[in-house]
Amino acid sequence: MAEAFARAHGADVMEVQSAGVSPATMIAPQTKQTLAERNLNIGDHFPKGMDIIRRQPFDLVVNMSGIPVTLPGARIVEWNVPDPIGQKDFVHRSVADQLEGLVMRLILELRNTP
């Protein structure tokens, strides 16, 4: 969800890639539905593991796993966001609200940083 918000609202200040420490095999239908309600289409997205992105340099990494992550040269930002997988629709919507707020704050920070 964070990737979708960042791509939709912050393309002017960031290139976004998303990966997980233990990626799912597919994007949950509830996640797709929650984002579709916000006019965000993630039809071309798919879960990726950290091994794919570790080959690339990053300036900033947002970690929501709760597991320490390091990437040489990258600023690591920790977001404590619950995983909504397997939860009711209202939990997905609540997590989407939280993520959208965090992403928007990060975008504003990046826009205001020289």
N, C-alpha and C. Protein backbone atom coordinates (compact mmCIF):
# COMPACT_ATOMS: atom_id res chain seq x y z
N MET A 1 0.82 -1.19 0.00
CA MET A 1 0.00 0.00 0.00
C MET A 1 0.86 1.25 0.00
N ALA A 2 1.94 1.24 0.77
CA ALA A 2 2.81 2.41 0.84
C ALA A 2 3.39 2.72 -0.53
N GLU A 3 3.77 1.69 -1.26
CA GLU A 3 4.31 1.90 -2.61
C GLU A 3 3.28 2.60 -3.50
N ALA A 4 2.05 2.16 -3.44
CA ALA A 4 1.00 2.76 -4.26
C ALA A 4 0.80 4.24 -3.91
N PHE A 5 0.77 4.56 -2.64
CA PHE A 5 0.62 5.97 -2.23
C PHE A 5 1.83 6.79 -2.68
N ALA A 6 3.02 6.24 -2.49
CA ALA A 6 4.23 6.98 -2.86
C ALA A 6 4.30 7.22 -4.37
N ARG A 7 3.95 6.23 -5.15
CA ARG A 7 3.95 6.41 -6.61
C ARG A 7 2.91 7.43 -7.05
N ALA A 8 1.74 7.38 -6.43
CA ALA A 8 0.65 8.27 -6.83
C ALA A 8 0.91 9.72 -6.43
N HIS A 9 1.52 9.94 -5.27
CA HIS A 9 1.63 11.30 -4.74
C HIS A 9 3.05 11.88 -4.74
N GLY A 10 4.07 11.03 -4.86
CA GLY A 10 5.43 11.53 -4.68
C GLY A 10 6.38 11.28 -5.82
N ALA A 11 5.86 11.02 -7.01
CA ALA A 11 6.73 10.71 -8.15
C ALA A 11 7.70 11.85 -8.47
N ASP A 12 7.37 13.06 -8.04
CA ASP A 12 8.25 14.20 -8.31
C ASP A 12 9.49 14.23 -7.42
N VAL A 13 9.48 13.48 -6.30
CA VAL A 13 10.62 13.52 -5.38
C VAL A 13 11.20 12.15 -5.07
N MET A 14 10.62 11.09 -5.61
CA MET A 14 11.15 9.76 -5.30
C MET A 14 10.87 8.75 -6.40
N GLU A 15 11.78 7.80 -6.49
CA GLU A 15 11.56 6.60 -7.28
C GLU A 15 11.28 5.52 -6.26
N VAL A 16 10.19 4.82 -6.42
CA VAL A 16 9.72 3.91 -5.38
C VAL A 16 9.90 2.46 -5.80
N GLN A 17 10.40 1.67 -4.88
CA GLN A 17 10.45 0.23 -5.03
C GLN A 17 10.05 -0.37 -3.70
N SER A 18 9.34 -1.45 -3.74
CA SER A 18 8.86 -2.09 -2.54
C SER A 18 9.34 -3.53 -2.50
N ALA A 19 9.71 -3.98 -1.32
CA ALA A 19 10.13 -5.37 -1.14
C ALA A 19 9.90 -5.75 0.32
N GLY A 20 9.81 -7.03 0.54
CA GLY A 20 9.57 -7.52 1.89
C GLY A 20 10.62 -8.51 2.33
N VAL A 21 10.77 -8.63 3.65
CA VAL A 21 11.72 -9.61 4.18
C VAL A 21 11.17 -11.03 4.02
N SER A 22 9.87 -11.19 4.00
CA SER A 22 9.24 -12.47 3.66
C SER A 22 8.01 -12.18 2.80
N PRO A 23 8.25 -11.95 1.51
CA PRO A 23 7.14 -11.54 0.65
C PRO A 23 6.10 -12.64 0.47
N ALA A 24 4.86 -12.20 0.33
CA ALA A 24 3.75 -13.13 0.05
C ALA A 24 3.88 -13.62 -1.39
N THR A 25 3.05 -14.56 -1.74
CA THR A 25 3.05 -15.06 -3.11
C THR A 25 2.19 -14.21 -4.03
N MET A 26 1.29 -13.42 -3.44
CA MET A 26 0.41 -12.55 -4.22
C MET A 26 -0.04 -11.38 -3.35
N ILE A 27 -0.56 -10.35 -4.00
CA ILE A 27 -1.11 -9.22 -3.26
C ILE A 27 -2.53 -9.60 -2.85
N ALA A 28 -2.83 -9.41 -1.59
CA ALA A 28 -4.13 -9.80 -1.04
C ALA A 28 -5.27 -9.05 -1.73
N PRO A 29 -6.36 -9.74 -2.04
CA PRO A 29 -7.50 -9.08 -2.66
C PRO A 29 -8.02 -7.90 -1.83
N GLN A 30 -7.99 -8.01 -0.50
CA GLN A 30 -8.45 -6.89 0.35
C GLN A 30 -7.57 -5.66 0.16
N THR A 31 -6.27 -5.87 -0.05
CA THR A 31 -5.36 -4.75 -0.29
C THR A 31 -5.71 -4.08 -1.60
N LYS A 32 -5.91 -4.87 -2.63
CA LYS A 32 -6.29 -4.31 -3.94
C LYS A 32 -7.60 -3.53 -3.83
N GLN A 33 -8.57 -4.09 -3.11
CA GLN A 33 -9.87 -3.44 -2.96
C GLN A 33 -9.74 -2.13 -2.19
N THR A 34 -8.98 -2.14 -1.10
CA THR A 34 -8.79 -0.94 -0.29
C THR A 34 -8.16 0.17 -1.12
N LEU A 35 -7.18 -0.17 -1.93
CA LEU A 35 -6.53 0.84 -2.76
C LEU A 35 -7.43 1.28 -3.91
N ALA A 36 -8.19 0.35 -4.46
CA ALA A 36 -9.13 0.70 -5.54
C ALA A 36 -10.17 1.71 -5.05
N GLU A 37 -10.57 1.59 -3.78
CA GLU A 37 -11.50 2.55 -3.19
C GLU A 37 -10.92 3.96 -3.18
N ARG A 38 -9.59 4.05 -3.26
CA ARG A 38 -8.89 5.34 -3.28
C ARG A 38 -8.38 5.67 -4.68
N ASN A 39 -8.94 4.97 -5.67
CA ASN A 39 -8.57 5.17 -7.07
C ASN A 39 -7.10 4.88 -7.36
N LEU A 40 -6.54 3.92 -6.65
CA LEU A 40 -5.17 3.49 -6.90
C LEU A 40 -5.20 2.06 -7.43
N ASN A 41 -4.65 1.87 -8.62
CA ASN A 41 -4.63 0.56 -9.25
C ASN A 41 -3.24 -0.04 -9.09
N ILE A 42 -3.17 -1.21 -8.49
CA ILE A 42 -1.88 -1.88 -8.30
C ILE A 42 -1.84 -3.19 -9.08
N GLY A 43 -2.57 -3.23 -10.19
CA GLY A 43 -2.64 -4.43 -11.00
C GLY A 43 -1.31 -4.93 -11.50
N ASP A 44 -0.34 -4.04 -11.69
CA ASP A 44 0.97 -4.45 -12.19
C ASP A 44 1.98 -4.72 -11.07
N HIS A 45 1.57 -4.57 -9.83
CA HIS A 45 2.48 -4.81 -8.70
C HIS A 45 2.52 -6.30 -8.36
N PHE A 46 3.62 -6.71 -7.78
CA PHE A 46 3.74 -8.08 -7.31
C PHE A 46 4.73 -8.09 -6.14
N PRO A 47 4.57 -9.02 -5.20
CA PRO A 47 5.48 -9.08 -4.05
C PRO A 47 6.90 -9.42 -4.49
N LYS A 48 7.86 -8.71 -3.90
CA LYS A 48 9.28 -8.92 -4.19
C LYS A 48 10.04 -9.09 -2.88
N GLY A 49 11.10 -9.84 -2.94
CA GLY A 49 11.95 -10.02 -1.77
C GLY A 49 13.10 -9.02 -1.75
N MET A 50 13.72 -8.89 -0.61
CA MET A 50 14.82 -7.95 -0.43
C MET A 50 16.01 -8.27 -1.33
N ASP A 51 16.18 -9.54 -1.69
CA ASP A 51 17.31 -9.93 -2.53
C ASP A 51 17.30 -9.19 -3.86
N ILE A 52 16.13 -8.88 -4.37
CA ILE A 52 16.02 -8.18 -5.65
C ILE A 52 16.51 -6.75 -5.53
N ILE A 53 16.15 -6.07 -4.47
CA ILE A 53 16.51 -4.65 -4.37
C ILE A 53 17.89 -4.41 -3.75
N ARG A 54 18.44 -5.38 -3.08
CA ARG A 54 19.75 -5.19 -2.46
C ARG A 54 20.84 -4.93 -3.51
N ARG A 55 20.58 -5.23 -4.74
CA ARG A 55 21.56 -5.02 -5.81
C ARG A 55 21.63 -3.56 -6.25
N GLN A 56 20.74 -2.72 -5.74
CA GLN A 56 20.66 -1.33 -6.19
C GLN A 56 20.98 -0.38 -5.03
N PRO A 57 21.52 0.79 -5.35
CA PRO A 57 21.76 1.78 -4.28
C PRO A 57 20.47 2.52 -3.93
N PHE A 58 20.30 2.82 -2.65
CA PHE A 58 19.13 3.56 -2.18
C PHE A 58 19.58 4.68 -1.26
N ASP A 59 18.89 5.81 -1.35
CA ASP A 59 19.13 6.92 -0.44
C ASP A 59 18.33 6.76 0.84
N LEU A 60 17.13 6.19 0.71
CA LEU A 60 16.20 6.08 1.82
C LEU A 60 15.48 4.74 1.75
N VAL A 61 15.37 4.10 2.90
CA VAL A 61 14.63 2.84 3.01
C VAL A 61 13.64 3.00 4.15
N VAL A 62 12.38 2.71 3.87
CA VAL A 62 11.36 2.70 4.90
C VAL A 62 11.16 1.25 5.30
N ASN A 63 11.39 0.97 6.57
CA ASN A 63 11.28 -0.40 7.08
C ASN A 63 10.02 -0.50 7.93
N MET A 64 9.13 -1.40 7.53
CA MET A 64 7.90 -1.64 8.29
C MET A 64 7.85 -3.06 8.82
N SER A 65 8.96 -3.78 8.71
CA SER A 65 8.97 -5.20 9.07
C SER A 65 9.11 -5.44 10.56
N GLY A 66 9.68 -4.48 11.28
CA GLY A 66 9.98 -4.72 12.68
C GLY A 66 11.29 -5.47 12.87
N ILE A 67 11.90 -5.87 11.77
CA ILE A 67 13.18 -6.57 11.78
C ILE A 67 14.25 -5.57 11.34
N PRO A 68 15.37 -5.50 12.05
CA PRO A 68 16.41 -4.55 11.64
C PRO A 68 16.85 -4.79 10.19
N VAL A 69 16.92 -3.71 9.44
CA VAL A 69 17.34 -3.76 8.04
C VAL A 69 18.45 -2.75 7.85
N THR A 70 19.48 -3.15 7.15
CA THR A 70 20.57 -2.23 6.82
C THR A 70 20.81 -2.31 5.32
N LEU A 71 21.11 -1.19 4.76
CA LEU A 71 21.49 -1.09 3.35
C LEU A 71 22.58 -0.03 3.31
N PRO A 72 23.78 -0.39 2.88
CA PRO A 72 24.88 0.58 2.88
C PRO A 72 24.52 1.87 2.17
N GLY A 73 24.79 3.00 2.84
CA GLY A 73 24.56 4.32 2.27
C GLY A 73 23.13 4.82 2.35
N ALA A 74 22.22 4.01 2.86
CA ALA A 74 20.81 4.40 2.90
C ALA A 74 20.41 4.88 4.29
N ARG A 75 19.61 5.92 4.31
CA ARG A 75 18.96 6.35 5.56
C ARG A 75 17.79 5.39 5.79
N ILE A 76 17.70 4.83 6.98
CA ILE A 76 16.63 3.89 7.32
C ILE A 76 15.60 4.61 8.18
N VAL A 77 14.35 4.55 7.77
CA VAL A 77 13.24 5.12 8.51
C VAL A 77 12.36 3.95 8.95
N GLU A 78 12.05 3.90 10.23
CA GLU A 78 11.22 2.80 10.76
C GLU A 78 9.78 3.28 10.94
N TRP A 79 8.85 2.54 10.36
CA TRP A 79 7.43 2.82 10.54
C TRP A 79 6.79 1.63 11.22
N ASN A 80 6.15 1.87 12.35
CA ASN A 80 5.46 0.81 13.08
C ASN A 80 4.01 0.75 12.59
N VAL A 81 3.79 -0.09 11.58
CA VAL A 81 2.48 -0.20 10.95
C VAL A 81 2.04 -1.66 11.04
N PRO A 82 0.83 -1.92 11.52
CA PRO A 82 0.38 -3.31 11.61
C PRO A 82 0.17 -3.93 10.22
N ASP A 83 0.36 -5.22 10.14
CA ASP A 83 0.12 -5.96 8.90
C ASP A 83 -1.37 -6.31 8.87
N PRO A 84 -2.11 -5.84 7.88
CA PRO A 84 -3.55 -6.09 7.86
C PRO A 84 -3.95 -7.43 7.24
N ILE A 85 -3.00 -8.18 6.74
CA ILE A 85 -3.33 -9.44 6.06
C ILE A 85 -4.08 -10.37 7.02
N GLY A 86 -5.22 -10.87 6.53
CA GLY A 86 -6.03 -11.78 7.33
C GLY A 86 -7.00 -11.08 8.26
N GLN A 87 -6.98 -9.76 8.25
CA GLN A 87 -7.85 -8.97 9.13
C GLN A 87 -9.10 -8.51 8.37
N LYS A 88 -10.03 -7.95 9.09
CA LYS A 88 -11.27 -7.45 8.48
C LYS A 88 -11.00 -6.21 7.63
N ASP A 89 -11.97 -5.89 6.76
CA ASP A 89 -11.82 -4.76 5.84
C ASP A 89 -11.51 -3.46 6.56
N PHE A 90 -12.14 -3.22 7.71
CA PHE A 90 -11.91 -1.95 8.40
C PHE A 90 -10.45 -1.83 8.85
N VAL A 91 -9.80 -2.95 9.13
CA VAL A 91 -8.38 -2.90 9.51
C VAL A 91 -7.55 -2.49 8.30
N HIS A 92 -7.85 -3.05 7.14
CA HIS A 92 -7.15 -2.66 5.91
C HIS A 92 -7.31 -1.16 5.66
N ARG A 93 -8.51 -0.66 5.83
CA ARG A 93 -8.75 0.76 5.61
C ARG A 93 -8.00 1.62 6.62
N SER A 94 -7.97 1.17 7.86
CA SER A 94 -7.24 1.90 8.90
C SER A 94 -5.74 1.93 8.61
N VAL A 95 -5.21 0.80 8.20
CA VAL A 95 -3.78 0.73 7.85
C VAL A 95 -3.51 1.62 6.63
N ALA A 96 -4.41 1.60 5.66
CA ALA A 96 -4.25 2.46 4.49
C ALA A 96 -4.22 3.92 4.90
N ASP A 97 -5.09 4.32 5.81
CA ASP A 97 -5.10 5.70 6.31
C ASP A 97 -3.77 6.04 6.95
N GLN A 98 -3.29 5.14 7.80
CA GLN A 98 -2.02 5.37 8.49
C GLN A 98 -0.87 5.49 7.48
N LEU A 99 -0.83 4.57 6.52
CA LEU A 99 0.25 4.60 5.53
C LEU A 99 0.19 5.84 4.66
N GLU A 100 -1.00 6.22 4.26
CA GLU A 100 -1.12 7.41 3.42
C GLU A 100 -0.59 8.64 4.17
N GLY A 101 -0.92 8.75 5.45
CA GLY A 101 -0.41 9.86 6.26
C GLY A 101 1.10 9.84 6.37
N LEU A 102 1.68 8.68 6.63
CA LEU A 102 3.14 8.57 6.75
C LEU A 102 3.82 8.88 5.43
N VAL A 103 3.28 8.36 4.35
CA VAL A 103 3.86 8.62 3.03
C VAL A 103 3.78 10.10 2.70
N MET A 104 2.64 10.73 2.96
CA MET A 104 2.50 12.15 2.65
C MET A 104 3.47 13.00 3.48
N ARG A 105 3.67 12.65 4.74
CA ARG A 105 4.64 13.38 5.57
C ARG A 105 6.05 13.23 5.00
N LEU A 106 6.40 12.02 4.56
CA LEU A 106 7.71 11.79 3.98
C LEU A 106 7.86 12.58 2.68
N ILE A 107 6.85 12.59 1.86
CA ILE A 107 6.90 13.36 0.61
C ILE A 107 7.12 14.84 0.90
N LEU A 108 6.37 15.39 1.86
CA LEU A 108 6.54 16.80 2.22
C LEU A 108 7.94 17.07 2.74
N GLU A 109 8.47 16.15 3.54
CA GLU A 109 9.85 16.30 4.04
C GLU A 109 10.83 16.34 2.87
N LEU A 110 10.68 15.44 1.93
CA LEU A 110 11.59 15.39 0.78
C LEU A 110 11.44 16.62 -0.10
N ARG A 111 10.25 17.11 -0.26
CA ARG A 111 10.03 18.31 -1.07
C ARG A 111 10.67 19.54 -0.41
N ASN A 112 10.74 19.55 0.91
CA ASN A 112 11.28 20.68 1.64
C ASN A 112 12.76 20.55 1.96
N THR A 113 13.38 19.47 1.53
CA THR A 113 14.80 19.26 1.77
C THR A 113 15.58 19.64 0.51
N PRO A 114 16.53 20.55 0.66
CA PRO A 114 17.30 20.97 -0.53
C PRO A 114 18.17 19.85 -1.08
